[in-house]
Amino acid sequence: MTATLRLSLGLFTALPIASKGELQPSRQQVRWAVLLAPISGVLVGSAAAAVLLGMRLLLRGEPEPAAATALADLLSAALALALVQLSVGGLHLDGLADTVDGMAARGGRESASSVMRRSDIGPMGVTALVFTGLIQVAALATSVVNGHGTTAVITACLAGRLAAVWACRLPAARPDGLGAWVAGSVSTLQAVSVTVLALGVPAALVAFDDDPAALPQTLAAVVLALVVAGLLQRWWRRRMGGITGDTIGAGVEVATTVALVVLATIR
């Protein structure tokens, strides 16, 4: 299990822990590595939450004007989410940009695949990156103002990795790349089981905050994030013929963003 967890962290973070070449994993190890993806979400989210806490302690002092406080919350949210992206080497954002460019490309499956394989980013991809970043920072800053920034960032990162688990139920779009390596590695029943278990994390966070009224909306944020990411994966699958590493990464970012937005509405 230790080797499988290392493989999972190597897949879903940029930490120099393991690679598929080093471990020569079996199909069963790949399956478990995918199913353990929510652990990386909790770890990354916890690190981001530590940044929020550190900024709160650093900026704590005499009462500040409302405008200064709002800017401080925006700064805290931006730094926390920057750490999230650094922890994965920006791969999920890269996948989002490539996927948006591919879906916006004219022509059929081959045209979309060709665009997604290119190293540059088109205008639609840039637009997706800019607005995704703005929405995530604004949503997390709102949660910080509302007093549940820690719950929001950990839950959102967890939701993103759960979206990756669900995406890995689908077939691969092509025989090479990360998508081919993890495609079809988990079943629907396994994805459901992992999701149910993972929902215990936001439930525990809400209990720790002593705010039971927020539990339904917190759990709904995860479910809605998975639904939106799942619908997009179905569209991308029809266009591409299956999943790729890019569409998996895009799904992670979409689910994370949806969860942050929903969580920002909790008062």
C-alpha atoms as a PDB file:
ATOM      1  CA  MET A   1       0.000   0.000   0.000  1.00  0.00           C
ATOM      2  CA  THR A   2       2.918   2.339   0.691  1.00  0.00           C
ATOM      3  CA  ALA A   3       4.145   1.995  -2.888  1.00  0.00           C
ATOM      4  CA  THR A   4       0.613   2.554  -4.189  1.00  0.00           C
ATOM      5  CA  LEU A   5       0.183   5.687  -2.095  1.00  0.00           C
ATOM      6  CA  ARG A   6       3.511   6.968  -3.380  1.00  0.00           C
ATOM      7  CA  LEU A   7       2.306   6.291  -6.899  1.00  0.00           C
ATOM      8  CA  SER A   8      -0.952   8.150  -6.214  1.00  0.00           C
ATOM      9  CA  LEU A   9       0.877  11.178  -4.831  1.00  0.00           C
ATOM     10  CA  GLY A  10       3.240  11.051  -7.786  1.00  0.00           C
ATOM     11  CA  LEU A  11       0.280  11.091 -10.152  1.00  0.00           C
ATOM     12  CA  PHE A  12      -1.779  13.822  -8.505  1.00  0.00           C
ATOM     13  CA  THR A  13       0.913  16.148  -7.191  1.00  0.00           C
ATOM     14  CA  ALA A  14       4.210  17.487  -8.487  1.00  0.00           C
ATOM     15  CA  LEU A  15       6.078  16.082  -5.503  1.00  0.00           C
ATOM     16  CA  PRO A  16       9.124  14.011  -6.561  1.00  0.00           C
ATOM     17  CA  ILE A  17       7.747  10.918  -4.856  1.00  0.00           C
ATOM     18  CA  ALA A  18       7.245   8.295  -7.546  1.00  0.00           C
ATOM     19  CA  SER A  19       6.682   7.761 -11.216  1.00  0.00           C
ATOM     20  CA  LYS A  20       5.147   4.929 -13.137  1.00  0.00           C
ATOM     21  CA  GLY A  21       8.559   4.147 -14.612  1.00  0.00           C
ATOM     22  CA  GLU A  22      10.126   3.741 -11.193  1.00  0.00           C
ATOM     23  CA  LEU A  23       7.428   1.527  -9.746  1.00  0.00           C
ATOM     24  CA  GLN A  24       6.409  -0.493 -12.808  1.00  0.00           C
ATOM     25  CA  PRO A  25       2.875  -0.698 -11.383  1.00  0.00           C
ATOM     26  CA  SER A  26       0.373  -3.401 -12.069  1.00  0.00           C
ATOM     27  CA  ARG A  27      -3.138  -2.612 -13.213  1.00  0.00           C
ATOM     28  CA  GLN A  28      -4.348  -3.154  -9.663  1.00  0.00           C
ATOM     29  CA  GLN A  29      -1.807  -0.653  -8.325  1.00  0.00           C
ATOM     30  CA  VAL A  30      -2.955   1.898 -10.877  1.00  0.00           C
ATOM     31  CA  ARG A  31      -6.559   1.352  -9.784  1.00  0.00           C
ATOM     32  CA  TRP A  32      -5.712   1.915  -6.145  1.00  0.00           C
ATOM     33  CA  ALA A  33      -3.527   4.905  -6.986  1.00  0.00           C
ATOM     34  CA  VAL A  34      -6.539   6.531  -8.640  1.00  0.00           C
ATOM     35  CA  LEU A  35      -8.871   5.589  -5.786  1.00  0.00           C
ATOM     36  CA  LEU A  36      -6.438   7.163  -3.306  1.00  0.00           C
ATOM     37  CA  ALA A  37      -6.447  10.469  -5.220  1.00  0.00           C
ATOM     38  CA  PRO A  38      -8.667  12.194  -2.614  1.00  0.00           C
ATOM     39  CA  ILE A  39      -5.796  11.864  -0.130  1.00  0.00           C
ATOM     40  CA  SER A  40      -3.673  14.159  -2.285  1.00  0.00           C
ATOM     41  CA  GLY A  41      -6.603  16.587  -2.379  1.00  0.00           C
ATOM     42  CA  VAL A  42      -6.782  16.674   1.411  1.00  0.00           C
ATOM     43  CA  LEU A  43      -3.014  17.124   1.707  1.00  0.00           C
ATOM     44  CA  VAL A  44      -2.872  19.922  -0.857  1.00  0.00           C
ATOM     45  CA  GLY A  45      -5.941  21.592   0.617  1.00  0.00           C
ATOM     46  CA  SER A  46      -4.499  21.353   4.122  1.00  0.00           C
ATOM     47  CA  ALA A  47      -1.293  23.032   2.973  1.00  0.00           C
ATOM     48  CA  ALA A  48      -3.375  25.816   1.425  1.00  0.00           C
ATOM     49  CA  ALA A  49      -5.379  26.096   4.648  1.00  0.00           C
ATOM     50  CA  ALA A  50      -2.101  26.494   6.540  1.00  0.00           C
ATOM     51  CA  VAL A  51      -1.293  29.454   4.302  1.00  0.00           C
ATOM     52  CA  LEU A  52      -4.663  31.015   5.162  1.00  0.00           C
ATOM     53  CA  LEU A  53      -3.972  30.505   8.860  1.00  0.00           C
ATOM     54  CA  GLY A  54      -0.450  31.875   8.568  1.00  0.00           C
ATOM     55  CA  MET A  55      -1.683  34.991   6.777  1.00  0.00           C
ATOM     56  CA  ARG A  56      -4.377  35.478   9.418  1.00  0.00           C
ATOM     57  CA  LEU A  57      -1.764  35.378  12.173  1.00  0.00           C
ATOM     58  CA  LEU A  58       0.616  37.595  10.220  1.00  0.00           C
ATOM     59  CA  LEU A  59      -1.983  40.249   9.465  1.00  0.00           C
ATOM     60  CA  ARG A  60      -3.685  40.122  12.836  1.00  0.00           C
ATOM     61  CA  GLY A  61      -3.388  43.367  14.745  1.00  0.00           C
ATOM     62  CA  GLU A  62      -5.283  46.558  15.216  1.00  0.00           C
ATOM     63  CA  PRO A  63      -8.694  46.808  13.507  1.00  0.00           C
ATOM     64  CA  GLU A  64      -8.290  47.802   9.894  1.00  0.00           C
ATOM     65  CA  PRO A  65     -10.678  49.557   7.508  1.00  0.00           C
ATOM     66  CA  ALA A  66     -13.053  47.236   5.660  1.00  0.00           C
ATOM     67  CA  ALA A  67     -11.267  47.855   2.362  1.00  0.00           C
ATOM     68  CA  ALA A  68      -7.896  46.853   3.821  1.00  0.00           C
ATOM     69  CA  THR A  69      -9.397  43.725   5.358  1.00  0.00           C
ATOM     70  CA  ALA A  70     -10.957  42.733   2.026  1.00  0.00           C
ATOM     71  CA  LEU A  71      -7.636  43.161   0.237  1.00  0.00           C
ATOM     72  CA  ALA A  72      -5.910  41.073   2.912  1.00  0.00           C
ATOM     73  CA  ASP A  73      -8.458  38.281   2.411  1.00  0.00           C
ATOM     74  CA  LEU A  74      -7.921  38.437  -1.355  1.00  0.00           C
ATOM     75  CA  LEU A  75      -4.167  38.208  -0.835  1.00  0.00           C
ATOM     76  CA  SER A  76      -4.556  35.235   1.503  1.00  0.00           C
ATOM     77  CA  ALA A  77      -6.815  33.425  -0.968  1.00  0.00           C
ATOM     78  CA  ALA A  78      -4.471  34.138  -3.877  1.00  0.00           C
ATOM     79  CA  LEU A  79      -1.438  32.819  -1.979  1.00  0.00           C
ATOM     80  CA  ALA A  80      -3.292  29.708  -0.833  1.00  0.00           C
ATOM     81  CA  LEU A  81      -4.456  28.870  -4.352  1.00  0.00           C
ATOM     82  CA  ALA A  82      -1.009  29.632  -5.757  1.00  0.00           C
ATOM     83  CA  LEU A  83       0.349  26.944  -3.436  1.00  0.00           C
ATOM     84  CA  VAL A  84      -2.310  24.539  -4.716  1.00  0.00           C
ATOM     85  CA  GLN A  85      -1.129  25.090  -8.267  1.00  0.00           C
ATOM     86  CA  LEU A  86       2.538  24.855  -7.341  1.00  0.00           C
ATOM     87  CA  SER A  87       1.862  21.529  -5.641  1.00  0.00           C
ATOM     88  CA  VAL A  88       0.642  20.059  -8.930  1.00  0.00           C
ATOM     89  CA  GLY A  89       3.048  21.931 -11.179  1.00  0.00           C
ATOM     90  CA  GLY A  90       0.169  23.758 -12.855  1.00  0.00           C
ATOM     91  CA  LEU A  91      -0.688  20.592 -14.791  1.00  0.00           C
ATOM     92  CA  HIS A  92      -4.413  20.817 -14.155  1.00  0.00           C
ATOM     93  CA  LEU A  93      -4.566  24.394 -15.396  1.00  0.00           C
ATOM     94  CA  ASP A  94      -2.557  23.343 -18.429  1.00  0.00           C
ATOM     95  CA  GLY A  95      -5.073  20.564 -19.022  1.00  0.00           C
ATOM     96  CA  LEU A  96      -7.942  23.043 -18.714  1.00  0.00           C
ATOM     97  CA  ALA A  97      -6.383  25.409 -21.243  1.00  0.00           C
ATOM     98  CA  ASP A  98      -5.630  22.614 -23.725  1.00  0.00           C
ATOM     99  CA  THR A  99      -9.102  21.118 -23.343  1.00  0.00           C
ATOM    100  CA  VAL A 100     -10.866  24.448 -23.897  1.00  0.00           C
ATOM    101  CA  ASP A 101      -8.710  25.127 -26.963  1.00  0.00           C
ATOM    102  CA  GLY A 102      -9.445  21.642 -28.289  1.00  0.00           C
ATOM    103  CA  MET A 103     -13.194  21.943 -27.812  1.00  0.00           C
ATOM    104  CA  ALA A 104     -13.154  25.361 -29.487  1.00  0.00           C
ATOM    105  CA  ALA A 105     -11.245  24.052 -32.517  1.00  0.00           C
ATOM    106  CA  ARG A 106     -13.140  23.699 -35.769  1.00  0.00           C
ATOM    107  CA  GLY A 107     -13.284  20.305 -37.366  1.00  0.00           C
ATOM    108  CA  GLY A 108     -13.620  16.809 -36.007  1.00  0.00           C
ATOM    109  CA  ARG A 109     -11.850  14.641 -33.469  1.00  0.00           C
ATOM    110  CA  GLU A 110      -8.457  14.754 -35.153  1.00  0.00           C
ATOM    111  CA  SER A 111      -8.510  18.539 -35.283  1.00  0.00           C
ATOM    112  CA  ALA A 112      -9.349  18.807 -31.580  1.00  0.00           C
ATOM    113  CA  SER A 113      -6.667  16.265 -30.682  1.00  0.00           C
ATOM    114  CA  SER A 114      -4.070  18.108 -32.741  1.00  0.00           C
ATOM    115  CA  VAL A 115      -4.846  21.411 -31.020  1.00  0.00           C
ATOM    116  CA  MET A 116      -4.669  19.829 -27.571  1.00  0.00           C
ATOM    117  CA  ARG A 117      -1.270  18.283 -28.294  1.00  0.00           C
ATOM    118  CA  ARG A 118       0.303  21.626 -29.220  1.00  0.00           C
ATOM    119  CA  SER A 119       2.547  23.281 -26.646  1.00  0.00           C
ATOM    120  CA  ASP A 120       1.095  26.762 -27.087  1.00  0.00           C
ATOM    121  CA  ILE A 121      -2.142  28.114 -25.592  1.00  0.00           C
ATOM    122  CA  GLY A 122      -4.806  29.740 -27.738  1.00  0.00           C
ATOM    123  CA  PRO A 123      -7.040  32.708 -26.861  1.00  0.00           C
ATOM    124  CA  MET A 124      -9.842  30.508 -25.536  1.00  0.00           C
ATOM    125  CA  GLY A 125      -7.417  28.673 -23.286  1.00  0.00           C
ATOM    126  CA  VAL A 126      -6.011  31.939 -21.947  1.00  0.00           C
ATOM    127  CA  THR A 127      -9.532  33.193 -21.282  1.00  0.00           C
ATOM    128  CA  ALA A 128     -10.361  30.005 -19.381  1.00  0.00           C
ATOM    129  CA  LEU A 129      -7.236  30.336 -17.232  1.00  0.00           C
ATOM    130  CA  VAL A 130      -7.832  33.994 -16.394  1.00  0.00           C
ATOM    131  CA  PHE A 131     -11.477  33.629 -15.426  1.00  0.00           C
ATOM    132  CA  THR A 132     -10.940  30.359 -13.577  1.00  0.00           C
ATOM    133  CA  GLY A 133      -8.217  31.967 -11.485  1.00  0.00           C
ATOM    134  CA  LEU A 134     -10.307  35.069 -10.792  1.00  0.00           C
ATOM    135  CA  ILE A 135     -13.370  33.047  -9.813  1.00  0.00           C
ATOM    136  CA  GLN A 136     -11.409  30.726  -7.538  1.00  0.00           C
ATOM    137  CA  VAL A 137      -9.627  33.547  -5.711  1.00  0.00           C
ATOM    138  CA  ALA A 138     -12.802  35.613  -5.302  1.00  0.00           C
ATOM    139  CA  ALA A 139     -14.793  32.601  -4.100  1.00  0.00           C
ATOM    140  CA  LEU A 140     -12.164  31.516  -1.575  1.00  0.00           C
ATOM    141  CA  ALA A 141     -11.739  35.093  -0.324  1.00  0.00           C
ATOM    142  CA  THR A 142     -15.499  35.244   0.234  1.00  0.00           C
ATOM    143  CA  SER A 143     -15.332  32.022   2.255  1.00  0.00           C
ATOM    144  CA  VAL A 144     -12.490  33.488   4.315  1.00  0.00           C
ATOM    145  CA  VAL A 145     -14.635  36.550   5.052  1.00  0.00           C
ATOM    146  CA  ASN A 146     -17.499  34.253   6.043  1.00  0.00           C
ATOM    147  CA  GLY A 147     -15.247  32.379   8.452  1.00  0.00           C
ATOM    148  CA  HIS A 148     -14.894  29.005   6.720  1.00  0.00           C
ATOM    149  CA  GLY A 149     -11.917  29.397   4.431  1.00  0.00           C
ATOM    150  CA  THR A 150     -10.231  26.241   5.742  1.00  0.00           C
ATOM    151  CA  THR A 151     -13.295  24.098   5.100  1.00  0.00           C
ATOM    152  CA  ALA A 152     -13.734  25.651   1.657  1.00  0.00           C
ATOM    153  CA  VAL A 153     -10.213  25.107   0.337  1.00  0.00           C
ATOM    154  CA  ILE A 154      -9.857  21.543   1.650  1.00  0.00           C
ATOM    155  CA  THR A 155     -13.317  20.551   0.425  1.00  0.00           C
ATOM    156  CA  ALA A 156     -12.738  22.093  -3.009  1.00  0.00           C
ATOM    157  CA  CYS A 157      -9.383  20.341  -3.463  1.00  0.00           C
ATOM    158  CA  LEU A 158     -11.017  17.081  -2.386  1.00  0.00           C
ATOM    159  CA  ALA A 159     -13.856  17.574  -4.885  1.00  0.00           C
ATOM    160  CA  GLY A 160     -11.351  18.147  -7.686  1.00  0.00           C
ATOM    161  CA  ARG A 161      -9.569  14.843  -7.026  1.00  0.00           C
ATOM    162  CA  LEU A 162     -12.867  13.004  -6.726  1.00  0.00           C
ATOM    163  CA  ALA A 163     -13.704  14.324 -10.203  1.00  0.00           C
ATOM    164  CA  ALA A 164     -10.498  12.687 -11.431  1.00  0.00           C
ATOM    165  CA  VAL A 165     -11.579   9.372  -9.910  1.00  0.00           C
ATOM    166  CA  TRP A 166     -14.928   9.535 -11.720  1.00  0.00           C
ATOM    167  CA  ALA A 167     -13.237  10.492 -15.005  1.00  0.00           C
ATOM    168  CA  CYS A 168     -11.028   7.391 -14.818  1.00  0.00           C
ATOM    169  CA  ARG A 169     -14.111   5.205 -15.311  1.00  0.00           C
ATOM    170  CA  LEU A 170     -14.135   6.259 -18.976  1.00  0.00           C
ATOM    171  CA  PRO A 171     -12.153   4.820 -21.903  1.00  0.00           C
ATOM    172  CA  ALA A 172      -9.054   6.480 -23.326  1.00  0.00           C
ATOM    173  CA  ALA A 173      -9.177   8.793 -26.331  1.00  0.00           C
ATOM    174  CA  ARG A 174      -5.842   7.501 -27.629  1.00  0.00           C
ATOM    175  CA  PRO A 175      -3.442   4.664 -26.811  1.00  0.00           C
ATOM    176  CA  ASP A 176      -0.690   6.875 -25.372  1.00  0.00           C
ATOM    177  CA  GLY A 177      -0.369   9.378 -22.573  1.00  0.00           C
ATOM    178  CA  LEU A 178      -1.669   9.563 -19.029  1.00  0.00           C
ATOM    179  CA  GLY A 179      -5.276   9.133 -20.127  1.00  0.00           C
ATOM    180  CA  ALA A 180      -4.538   5.707 -21.608  1.00  0.00           C
ATOM    181  CA  TRP A 181      -2.672   4.704 -18.475  1.00  0.00           C
ATOM    182  CA  VAL A 182      -5.560   5.375 -16.038  1.00  0.00           C
ATOM    183  CA  ALA A 183      -8.609   5.078 -18.328  1.00  0.00           C
ATOM    184  CA  GLY A 184     -11.097   2.429 -17.239  1.00  0.00           C
ATOM    185  CA  SER A 185      -9.068   1.720 -14.119  1.00  0.00           C
ATOM    186  CA  VAL A 186     -11.998   2.115 -11.716  1.00  0.00           C
ATOM    187  CA  SER A 187     -15.638   1.056 -11.765  1.00  0.00           C
ATOM    188  CA  THR A 188     -18.695   3.141 -11.015  1.00  0.00           C
ATOM    189  CA  LEU A 189     -19.232   1.242  -7.750  1.00  0.00           C
ATOM    190  CA  GLN A 190     -15.662   1.990  -6.678  1.00  0.00           C
ATOM    191  CA  ALA A 191     -16.068   5.667  -7.536  1.00  0.00           C
ATOM    192  CA  VAL A 192     -19.294   5.831  -5.517  1.00  0.00           C
ATOM    193  CA  SER A 193     -17.668   4.082  -2.550  1.00  0.00           C
ATOM    194  CA  VAL A 194     -14.666   6.420  -2.516  1.00  0.00           C
ATOM    195  CA  THR A 195     -16.948   9.453  -2.808  1.00  0.00           C
ATOM    196  CA  VAL A 196     -19.079   8.363   0.138  1.00  0.00           C
ATOM    197  CA  LEU A 197     -15.987   7.789   2.259  1.00  0.00           C
ATOM    198  CA  ALA A 198     -14.425  11.079   1.173  1.00  0.00           C
ATOM    199  CA  LEU A 199     -17.530  13.047   2.163  1.00  0.00           C
ATOM    200  CA  GLY A 200     -16.554  12.278   5.729  1.00  0.00           C
ATOM    201  CA  VAL A 201     -13.762  14.863   5.404  1.00  0.00           C
ATOM    202  CA  PRO A 202     -15.972  17.937   4.804  1.00  0.00           C
ATOM    203  CA  ALA A 203     -18.423  16.570   7.366  1.00  0.00           C
ATOM    204  CA  ALA A 204     -15.624  16.452   9.941  1.00  0.00           C
ATOM    205  CA  LEU A 205     -14.472  19.956   9.011  1.00  0.00           C
ATOM    206  CA  VAL A 206     -17.980  21.330   9.482  1.00  0.00           C
ATOM    207  CA  ALA A 207     -18.254  19.555  12.830  1.00  0.00           C
ATOM    208  CA  PHE A 208     -14.903  21.034  13.866  1.00  0.00           C
ATOM    209  CA  ASP A 209     -16.224  24.504  12.965  1.00  0.00           C
ATOM    210  CA  ASP A 210     -19.296  23.720  15.105  1.00  0.00           C
ATOM    211  CA  ASP A 211     -21.618  24.830  12.303  1.00  0.00           C
ATOM    212  CA  PRO A 212     -23.982  21.903  11.622  1.00  0.00           C
ATOM    213  CA  ALA A 213     -26.300  24.115   9.588  1.00  0.00           C
ATOM    214  CA  ALA A 214     -23.592  24.360   6.923  1.00  0.00           C
ATOM    215  CA  LEU A 215     -23.299  20.588   6.448  1.00  0.00           C
ATOM    216  CA  PRO A 216     -25.991  20.102   3.744  1.00  0.00           C
ATOM    217  CA  GLN A 217     -24.631  22.916   1.584  1.00  0.00           C
ATOM    218  CA  THR A 218     -21.038  21.770   2.076  1.00  0.00           C
ATOM    219  CA  LEU A 219     -21.846  18.236   0.943  1.00  0.00           C
ATOM    220  CA  ALA A 220     -23.992  19.628  -1.881  1.00  0.00           C
ATOM    221  CA  ALA A 221     -20.972  21.627  -3.081  1.00  0.00           C
ATOM    222  CA  VAL A 222     -19.029  18.393  -3.617  1.00  0.00           C
ATOM    223  CA  VAL A 223     -21.932  16.627  -5.310  1.00  0.00           C
ATOM    224  CA  LEU A 224     -22.683  19.566  -7.625  1.00  0.00           C
ATOM    225  CA  ALA A 225     -18.981  19.858  -8.506  1.00  0.00           C
ATOM    226  CA  LEU A 226     -18.921  16.183  -9.504  1.00  0.00           C
ATOM    227  CA  VAL A 227     -22.114  16.523 -11.542  1.00  0.00           C
ATOM    228  CA  VAL A 228     -20.836  19.527 -13.504  1.00  0.00           C
ATOM    229  CA  ALA A 229     -17.425  17.933 -14.102  1.00  0.00           C
ATOM    230  CA  GLY A 230     -19.127  14.664 -15.086  1.00  0.00           C
ATOM    231  CA  LEU A 231     -21.370  16.354 -17.649  1.00  0.00           C
ATOM    232  CA  LEU A 232     -18.377  18.082 -19.187  1.00  0.00           C
ATOM    233  CA  GLN A 233     -16.447  14.809 -19.282  1.00  0.00           C
ATOM    234  CA  ARG A 234     -19.322  13.260 -21.230  1.00  0.00           C
ATOM    235  CA  TRP A 235     -19.158  16.099 -23.759  1.00  0.00           C
ATOM    236  CA  TRP A 236     -15.390  15.864 -24.028  1.00  0.00           C
ATOM    237  CA  ARG A 237     -15.647  12.091 -24.436  1.00  0.00           C
ATOM    238  CA  ARG A 238     -18.081  12.467 -27.331  1.00  0.00           C
ATOM    239  CA  ARG A 239     -15.763  14.959 -28.994  1.00  0.00           C
ATOM    240  CA  MET A 240     -12.503  13.108 -28.313  1.00  0.00           C
ATOM    241  CA  GLY A 241     -13.663   9.508 -28.115  1.00  0.00           C
ATOM    242  CA  GLY A 242     -12.499   9.172 -24.510  1.00  0.00           C
ATOM    243  CA  ILE A 243     -10.445  10.831 -21.811  1.00  0.00           C
ATOM    244  CA  THR A 244      -6.932  12.243 -21.944  1.00  0.00           C
ATOM    245  CA  GLY A 245      -4.610  13.578 -19.295  1.00  0.00           C
ATOM    246  CA  ASP A 246      -5.739  17.058 -20.313  1.00  0.00           C
ATOM    247  CA  THR A 247      -9.443  16.364 -19.832  1.00  0.00           C
ATOM    248  CA  ILE A 248      -8.761  14.766 -16.443  1.00  0.00           C
ATOM    249  CA  GLY A 249      -6.875  17.884 -15.360  1.00  0.00           C
ATOM    250  CA  ALA A 250      -9.613  20.120 -16.750  1.00  0.00           C
ATOM    251  CA  GLY A 251     -12.194  18.184 -14.759  1.00  0.00           C
ATOM    252  CA  VAL A 252     -10.177  18.716 -11.582  1.00  0.00           C
ATOM    253  CA  GLU A 253     -10.144  22.482 -12.116  1.00  0.00           C
ATOM    254  CA  VAL A 254     -13.830  22.643 -13.025  1.00  0.00           C
ATOM    255  CA  ALA A 255     -14.870  20.663  -9.955  1.00  0.00           C
ATOM    256  CA  THR A 256     -12.606  22.722  -7.696  1.00  0.00           C
ATOM    257  CA  THR A 257     -14.056  25.960  -9.048  1.00  0.00           C
ATOM    258  CA  VAL A 258     -17.688  24.855  -8.748  1.00  0.00           C
ATOM    259  CA  ALA A 259     -17.135  23.689  -5.185  1.00  0.00           C
ATOM    260  CA  LEU A 260     -15.477  26.985  -4.212  1.00  0.00           C
ATOM    261  CA  VAL A 261     -18.336  28.994  -5.692  1.00  0.00           C
ATOM    262  CA  VAL A 262     -21.010  26.995  -3.888  1.00  0.00           C
ATOM    263  CA  LEU A 263     -19.094  27.103  -0.615  1.00  0.00           C
ATOM    264  CA  ALA A 264     -18.740  30.870  -0.942  1.00  0.00           C
ATOM    265  CA  THR A 265     -22.518  31.197  -0.614  1.00  0.00           C
ATOM    266  CA  ILE A 266     -22.513  29.702   2.908  1.00  0.00           C
ATOM    267  CA  ARG A 267     -23.025  32.410   5.508  1.00  0.00           C
END
